[in-house]
């Protein structure tokens, strides 16, 4: 996958989240972090904190900060040869699968950021965008996904996978804001 395809997808997700968070008023509340969170990760190795720089999405406006304070985001585009099925049918001694790598990465970013939750948004070519969140977050939200899969993972606990488009259509931003209070 080309880096430009991933960058374009990250910008698209940032715009969609901005429109959702502002209830249609703005498309510029979120943007890609510096080096996809790499700056924060590098600084953390030296014991330094970096505000608003973990994961793939940062707030560009104070009104968007509550979402970033609650959820650390990881965005993936392409990777067509990988699927969540890889988590089910891998041999016991197989190497870490791509989705496991992503869950580990966003989990580590979440810890460094000090947020209670994480979210992975992934889209393969010519497919819908999927959203993965910990079951603890899903249970706090007042929506029932029409299409969802609950993954029980050995390393990462219970993870809910649903459609990203359904999440932003059915979850009210105020509901997310109330989780932070």
C-alpha atoms as a PDB file:
ATOM      1  CA  UNK A   1       0.000   0.000   0.000  1.00  0.00           C
ATOM      2  CA  UNK A   2       1.302   3.447  -0.787  1.00  0.00           C
ATOM      3  CA  UNK A   3       1.860   5.864   2.059  1.00  0.00           C
ATOM      4  CA  UNK A   4      -0.227   8.472   0.230  1.00  0.00           C
ATOM      5  CA  UNK A   5      -3.253   6.153   0.297  1.00  0.00           C
ATOM      6  CA  UNK A   6      -2.905   5.784   4.069  1.00  0.00           C
ATOM      7  CA  UNK A   7      -2.402   9.525   4.557  1.00  0.00           C
ATOM      8  CA  UNK A   8      -5.461  10.329   2.432  1.00  0.00           C
ATOM      9  CA  UNK A   9      -7.529   7.868   4.443  1.00  0.00           C
ATOM     10  CA  UNK A  10      -6.354   9.368   7.747  1.00  0.00           C
ATOM     11  CA  UNK A  11      -7.373  12.828   6.492  1.00  0.00           C
ATOM     12  CA  UNK A  12     -10.774  11.438   5.415  1.00  0.00           C
ATOM     13  CA  UNK A  13     -11.377   9.880   8.839  1.00  0.00           C
ATOM     14  CA  UNK A  14     -10.345  13.153  10.523  1.00  0.00           C
ATOM     15  CA  UNK A  15     -12.883  15.072   8.426  1.00  0.00           C
ATOM     16  CA  UNK A  16     -15.635  12.502   9.137  1.00  0.00           C
ATOM     17  CA  UNK A  17     -14.921  12.602  12.871  1.00  0.00           C
ATOM     18  CA  UNK A  18     -14.894  16.416  12.795  1.00  0.00           C
ATOM     19  CA  UNK A  19     -18.278  16.605  11.054  1.00  0.00           C
ATOM     20  CA  UNK A  20     -19.713  14.014  13.452  1.00  0.00           C
ATOM     21  CA  UNK A  21     -18.249  15.643  16.598  1.00  0.00           C
ATOM     22  CA  UNK A  22     -19.444  19.135  15.575  1.00  0.00           C
ATOM     23  CA  UNK A  23     -22.836  17.794  14.435  1.00  0.00           C
ATOM     24  CA  UNK A  24     -22.243  18.987  10.879  1.00  0.00           C
ATOM     25  CA  UNK A  25     -20.833  22.405  11.732  1.00  0.00           C
ATOM     26  CA  UNK A  26     -17.097  21.893  11.101  1.00  0.00           C
ATOM     27  CA  UNK A  27     -14.734  19.572   9.255  1.00  0.00           C
ATOM     28  CA  UNK A  28     -11.450  20.715  10.813  1.00  0.00           C
ATOM     29  CA  UNK A  29     -11.534  19.679  14.492  1.00  0.00           C
ATOM     30  CA  UNK A  30      -9.198  16.691  14.115  1.00  0.00           C
ATOM     31  CA  UNK A  31      -6.054  16.085  12.096  1.00  0.00           C
ATOM     32  CA  UNK A  32      -3.243  13.584  11.751  1.00  0.00           C
ATOM     33  CA  UNK A  33      -0.642  13.550  14.486  1.00  0.00           C
ATOM     34  CA  UNK A  34       2.984  14.234  13.737  1.00  0.00           C
ATOM     35  CA  UNK A  35       4.529  11.117  12.195  1.00  0.00           C
ATOM     36  CA  UNK A  36       1.428   9.030  13.129  1.00  0.00           C
ATOM     37  CA  UNK A  37       2.217   9.318  16.825  1.00  0.00           C
ATOM     38  CA  UNK A  38       5.890   8.507  16.269  1.00  0.00           C
ATOM     39  CA  UNK A  39       7.032  11.763  17.803  1.00  0.00           C
ATOM     40  CA  UNK A  40       5.208  10.991  21.064  1.00  0.00           C
ATOM     41  CA  UNK A  41       6.527   7.416  21.091  1.00  0.00           C
ATOM     42  CA  UNK A  42      10.113   8.559  20.550  1.00  0.00           C
ATOM     43  CA  UNK A  43       9.862  11.210  23.253  1.00  0.00           C
ATOM     44  CA  UNK A  44       8.312   8.675  25.675  1.00  0.00           C
ATOM     45  CA  UNK A  45      11.443   6.515  25.341  1.00  0.00           C
ATOM     46  CA  UNK A  46      13.354   9.437  26.825  1.00  0.00           C
ATOM     47  CA  UNK A  47      10.816   9.840  29.619  1.00  0.00           C
ATOM     48  CA  UNK A  48       9.180  12.905  28.065  1.00  0.00           C
ATOM     49  CA  UNK A  49       5.445  13.468  27.726  1.00  0.00           C
ATOM     50  CA  UNK A  50       3.974  14.860  24.517  1.00  0.00           C
ATOM     51  CA  UNK A  51       0.478  16.298  24.697  1.00  0.00           C
ATOM     52  CA  UNK A  52      -2.070  15.654  21.923  1.00  0.00           C
ATOM     53  CA  UNK A  53       0.363  13.586  19.840  1.00  0.00           C
ATOM     54  CA  UNK A  54      -0.386   9.919  20.534  1.00  0.00           C
ATOM     55  CA  UNK A  55      -1.961   7.578  18.016  1.00  0.00           C
ATOM     56  CA  UNK A  56      -2.970   8.805  14.586  1.00  0.00           C
ATOM     57  CA  UNK A  57      -5.428  11.619  15.395  1.00  0.00           C
ATOM     58  CA  UNK A  58      -5.036  14.876  17.322  1.00  0.00           C
ATOM     59  CA  UNK A  59      -7.446  17.658  18.223  1.00  0.00           C
ATOM     60  CA  UNK A  60      -6.863  20.937  16.372  1.00  0.00           C
ATOM     61  CA  UNK A  61      -9.507  22.776  18.382  1.00  0.00           C
ATOM     62  CA  UNK A  62     -10.246  22.814  22.116  1.00  0.00           C
ATOM     63  CA  UNK A  63     -13.819  21.681  21.449  1.00  0.00           C
ATOM     64  CA  UNK A  64     -12.440  18.387  20.103  1.00  0.00           C
ATOM     65  CA  UNK A  65     -10.084  17.702  22.994  1.00  0.00           C
ATOM     66  CA  UNK A  66     -12.612  15.701  25.078  1.00  0.00           C
ATOM     67  CA  UNK A  67     -12.658  12.957  22.424  1.00  0.00           C
ATOM     68  CA  UNK A  68      -8.859  12.784  22.278  1.00  0.00           C
ATOM     69  CA  UNK A  69      -8.699  12.744  26.084  1.00  0.00           C
ATOM     70  CA  UNK A  70     -11.014   9.712  26.090  1.00  0.00           C
ATOM     71  CA  UNK A  71      -9.886   7.688  23.054  1.00  0.00           C
ATOM     72  CA  UNK A  72      -6.550   7.088  21.346  1.00  0.00           C
ATOM     73  CA  UNK A  73      -7.004   6.363  17.629  1.00  0.00           C
ATOM     74  CA  UNK A  74      -5.158   4.124  15.188  1.00  0.00           C
ATOM     75  CA  UNK A  75      -6.081   4.321  11.477  1.00  0.00           C
ATOM     76  CA  UNK A  76      -5.179   1.672   8.881  1.00  0.00           C
ATOM     77  CA  UNK A  77      -5.892   1.549   5.147  1.00  0.00           C
ATOM     78  CA  UNK A  78      -5.194  -1.228   2.661  1.00  0.00           C
ATOM     79  CA  UNK A  79      -3.609  -4.399   4.025  1.00  0.00           C
ATOM     80  CA  UNK A  80      -5.933  -6.460   1.838  1.00  0.00           C
ATOM     81  CA  UNK A  81      -4.323  -9.795   2.563  1.00  0.00           C
ATOM     82  CA  UNK A  82      -5.108  -9.522   6.286  1.00  0.00           C
ATOM     83  CA  UNK A  83      -8.476 -10.025   7.980  1.00  0.00           C
ATOM     84  CA  UNK A  84      -9.840 -10.571  11.450  1.00  0.00           C
ATOM     85  CA  UNK A  85     -10.171 -14.235  10.502  1.00  0.00           C
ATOM     86  CA  UNK A  86      -6.383 -14.404  10.905  1.00  0.00           C
ATOM     87  CA  UNK A  87      -6.965 -14.181  14.654  1.00  0.00           C
ATOM     88  CA  UNK A  88      -9.149 -17.286  14.613  1.00  0.00           C
ATOM     89  CA  UNK A  89      -7.387 -19.737  12.338  1.00  0.00           C
ATOM     90  CA  UNK A  90      -3.726 -19.048  13.082  1.00  0.00           C
ATOM     91  CA  UNK A  91      -1.669 -21.957  14.397  1.00  0.00           C
ATOM     92  CA  UNK A  92      -0.804 -21.793  18.093  1.00  0.00           C
ATOM     93  CA  UNK A  93       2.861 -20.971  17.493  1.00  0.00           C
ATOM     94  CA  UNK A  94       2.298 -18.531  14.618  1.00  0.00           C
ATOM     95  CA  UNK A  95       3.891 -15.104  14.632  1.00  0.00           C
ATOM     96  CA  UNK A  96       1.916 -12.068  15.743  1.00  0.00           C
ATOM     97  CA  UNK A  97      -0.848 -11.376  13.234  1.00  0.00           C
ATOM     98  CA  UNK A  98      -1.358  -7.930  11.672  1.00  0.00           C
ATOM     99  CA  UNK A  99      -4.512  -7.162  13.692  1.00  0.00           C
ATOM    100  CA  UNK A 100      -2.741  -8.243  16.889  1.00  0.00           C
ATOM    101  CA  UNK A 101       0.107  -5.878  15.988  1.00  0.00           C
ATOM    102  CA  UNK A 102      -2.389  -3.031  15.534  1.00  0.00           C
ATOM    103  CA  UNK A 103      -4.209  -3.811  18.803  1.00  0.00           C
ATOM    104  CA  UNK A 104      -0.879  -3.906  20.629  1.00  0.00           C
ATOM    105  CA  UNK A 105       0.253  -0.634  19.052  1.00  0.00           C
ATOM    106  CA  UNK A 106      -2.933   1.288  19.821  1.00  0.00           C
ATOM    107  CA  UNK A 107      -2.992  -0.201  23.335  1.00  0.00           C
ATOM    108  CA  UNK A 108       0.556   1.009  23.976  1.00  0.00           C
ATOM    109  CA  UNK A 109      -0.305   4.455  22.568  1.00  0.00           C
ATOM    110  CA  UNK A 110      -3.378   4.558  24.805  1.00  0.00           C
ATOM    111  CA  UNK A 111      -1.238   3.897  27.882  1.00  0.00           C
ATOM    112  CA  UNK A 112       1.287   6.602  26.923  1.00  0.00           C
ATOM    113  CA  UNK A 113      -1.541   9.062  26.201  1.00  0.00           C
ATOM    114  CA  UNK A 114      -3.275   8.259  29.485  1.00  0.00           C
ATOM    115  CA  UNK A 115      -6.648   7.712  27.832  1.00  0.00           C
ATOM    116  CA  UNK A 116      -9.106   5.123  29.115  1.00  0.00           C
ATOM    117  CA  UNK A 117      -9.989   3.712  25.673  1.00  0.00           C
ATOM    118  CA  UNK A 118      -8.643   3.065  22.193  1.00  0.00           C
ATOM    119  CA  UNK A 119     -10.206   2.791  18.742  1.00  0.00           C
ATOM    120  CA  UNK A 120      -8.842   1.153  15.602  1.00  0.00           C
ATOM    121  CA  UNK A 121     -10.425   2.154  12.280  1.00  0.00           C
ATOM    122  CA  UNK A 122      -9.357  -0.028   9.350  1.00  0.00           C
ATOM    123  CA  UNK A 123     -10.439  -0.244   5.737  1.00  0.00           C
ATOM    124  CA  UNK A 124      -9.397  -2.773   3.128  1.00  0.00           C
ATOM    125  CA  UNK A 125      -9.719  -1.839  -0.551  1.00  0.00           C
ATOM    126  CA  UNK A 126     -13.293  -1.859  -1.861  1.00  0.00           C
ATOM    127  CA  UNK A 127     -14.664  -2.658   1.614  1.00  0.00           C
ATOM    128  CA  UNK A 128     -16.434  -0.784   4.387  1.00  0.00           C
ATOM    129  CA  UNK A 129     -14.418   0.840   7.167  1.00  0.00           C
ATOM    130  CA  UNK A 130     -14.415  -1.250  10.327  1.00  0.00           C
ATOM    131  CA  UNK A 131     -14.172   0.098  13.833  1.00  0.00           C
ATOM    132  CA  UNK A 132     -12.655  -1.915  16.687  1.00  0.00           C
ATOM    133  CA  UNK A 133     -13.112  -0.842  20.312  1.00  0.00           C
ATOM    134  CA  UNK A 134     -12.712  -2.547  23.673  1.00  0.00           C
ATOM    135  CA  UNK A 135     -15.909  -4.135  24.934  1.00  0.00           C
ATOM    136  CA  UNK A 136     -15.786  -1.843  28.004  1.00  0.00           C
ATOM    137  CA  UNK A 137     -16.314   1.193  25.758  1.00  0.00           C
ATOM    138  CA  UNK A 138     -18.997  -0.493  23.645  1.00  0.00           C
ATOM    139  CA  UNK A 139     -20.957  -1.366  26.794  1.00  0.00           C
ATOM    140  CA  UNK A 140     -20.979   2.284  27.896  1.00  0.00           C
ATOM    141  CA  UNK A 141     -22.475   3.458  24.601  1.00  0.00           C
ATOM    142  CA  UNK A 142     -26.194   3.557  23.996  1.00  0.00           C
ATOM    143  CA  UNK A 143     -26.292   1.915  20.595  1.00  0.00           C
ATOM    144  CA  UNK A 144     -26.693  -1.577  19.288  1.00  0.00           C
ATOM    145  CA  UNK A 145     -24.676  -2.223  16.150  1.00  0.00           C
ATOM    146  CA  UNK A 146     -26.691  -3.985  13.469  1.00  0.00           C
ATOM    147  CA  UNK A 147     -23.541  -5.737  12.293  1.00  0.00           C
ATOM    148  CA  UNK A 148     -21.015  -6.514  14.961  1.00  0.00           C
ATOM    149  CA  UNK A 149     -18.541  -9.180  15.891  1.00  0.00           C
ATOM    150  CA  UNK A 150     -17.203  -9.703  19.381  1.00  0.00           C
ATOM    151  CA  UNK A 151     -13.663 -11.006  19.307  1.00  0.00           C
ATOM    152  CA  UNK A 152     -12.291 -12.750  22.330  1.00  0.00           C
ATOM    153  CA  UNK A 153      -8.562 -12.336  22.122  1.00  0.00           C
ATOM    154  CA  UNK A 154      -6.001 -13.979  24.334  1.00  0.00           C
ATOM    155  CA  UNK A 155      -3.848 -10.878  24.700  1.00  0.00           C
ATOM    156  CA  UNK A 156      -6.316  -8.002  24.364  1.00  0.00           C
ATOM    157  CA  UNK A 157      -9.529  -9.216  25.973  1.00  0.00           C
ATOM    158  CA  UNK A 158     -12.963  -8.737  24.420  1.00  0.00           C
ATOM    159  CA  UNK A 159     -13.007  -6.448  21.373  1.00  0.00           C
ATOM    160  CA  UNK A 160     -16.087  -5.300  19.466  1.00  0.00           C
ATOM    161  CA  UNK A 161     -15.878  -4.823  15.699  1.00  0.00           C
ATOM    162  CA  UNK A 162     -18.583  -2.848  13.924  1.00  0.00           C
ATOM    163  CA  UNK A 163     -18.939  -0.524  10.936  1.00  0.00           C
ATOM    164  CA  UNK A 164     -17.349   2.909  11.373  1.00  0.00           C
ATOM    165  CA  UNK A 165     -20.184   4.518   9.380  1.00  0.00           C
ATOM    166  CA  UNK A 166     -22.743   3.003  11.735  1.00  0.00           C
ATOM    167  CA  UNK A 167     -20.860   4.230  14.783  1.00  0.00           C
ATOM    168  CA  UNK A 168     -20.835   7.861  13.626  1.00  0.00           C
ATOM    169  CA  UNK A 169     -24.463   7.596  12.515  1.00  0.00           C
ATOM    170  CA  UNK A 170     -25.798   6.084  15.748  1.00  0.00           C
ATOM    171  CA  UNK A 171     -23.566   7.363  18.551  1.00  0.00           C
ATOM    172  CA  UNK A 172     -24.237  10.922  19.647  1.00  0.00           C
ATOM    173  CA  UNK A 173     -21.150  13.029  20.422  1.00  0.00           C
ATOM    174  CA  UNK A 174     -22.813  14.127  23.667  1.00  0.00           C
ATOM    175  CA  UNK A 175     -22.814  10.516  24.773  1.00  0.00           C
ATOM    176  CA  UNK A 176     -19.024  10.425  24.369  1.00  0.00           C
ATOM    177  CA  UNK A 177     -18.660  13.765  26.152  1.00  0.00           C
ATOM    178  CA  UNK A 178     -20.666  12.426  29.098  1.00  0.00           C
ATOM    179  CA  UNK A 179     -18.218   9.510  29.499  1.00  0.00           C
ATOM    180  CA  UNK A 180     -15.436  11.966  30.279  1.00  0.00           C
ATOM    181  CA  UNK A 181     -17.419  13.678  33.056  1.00  0.00           C
END
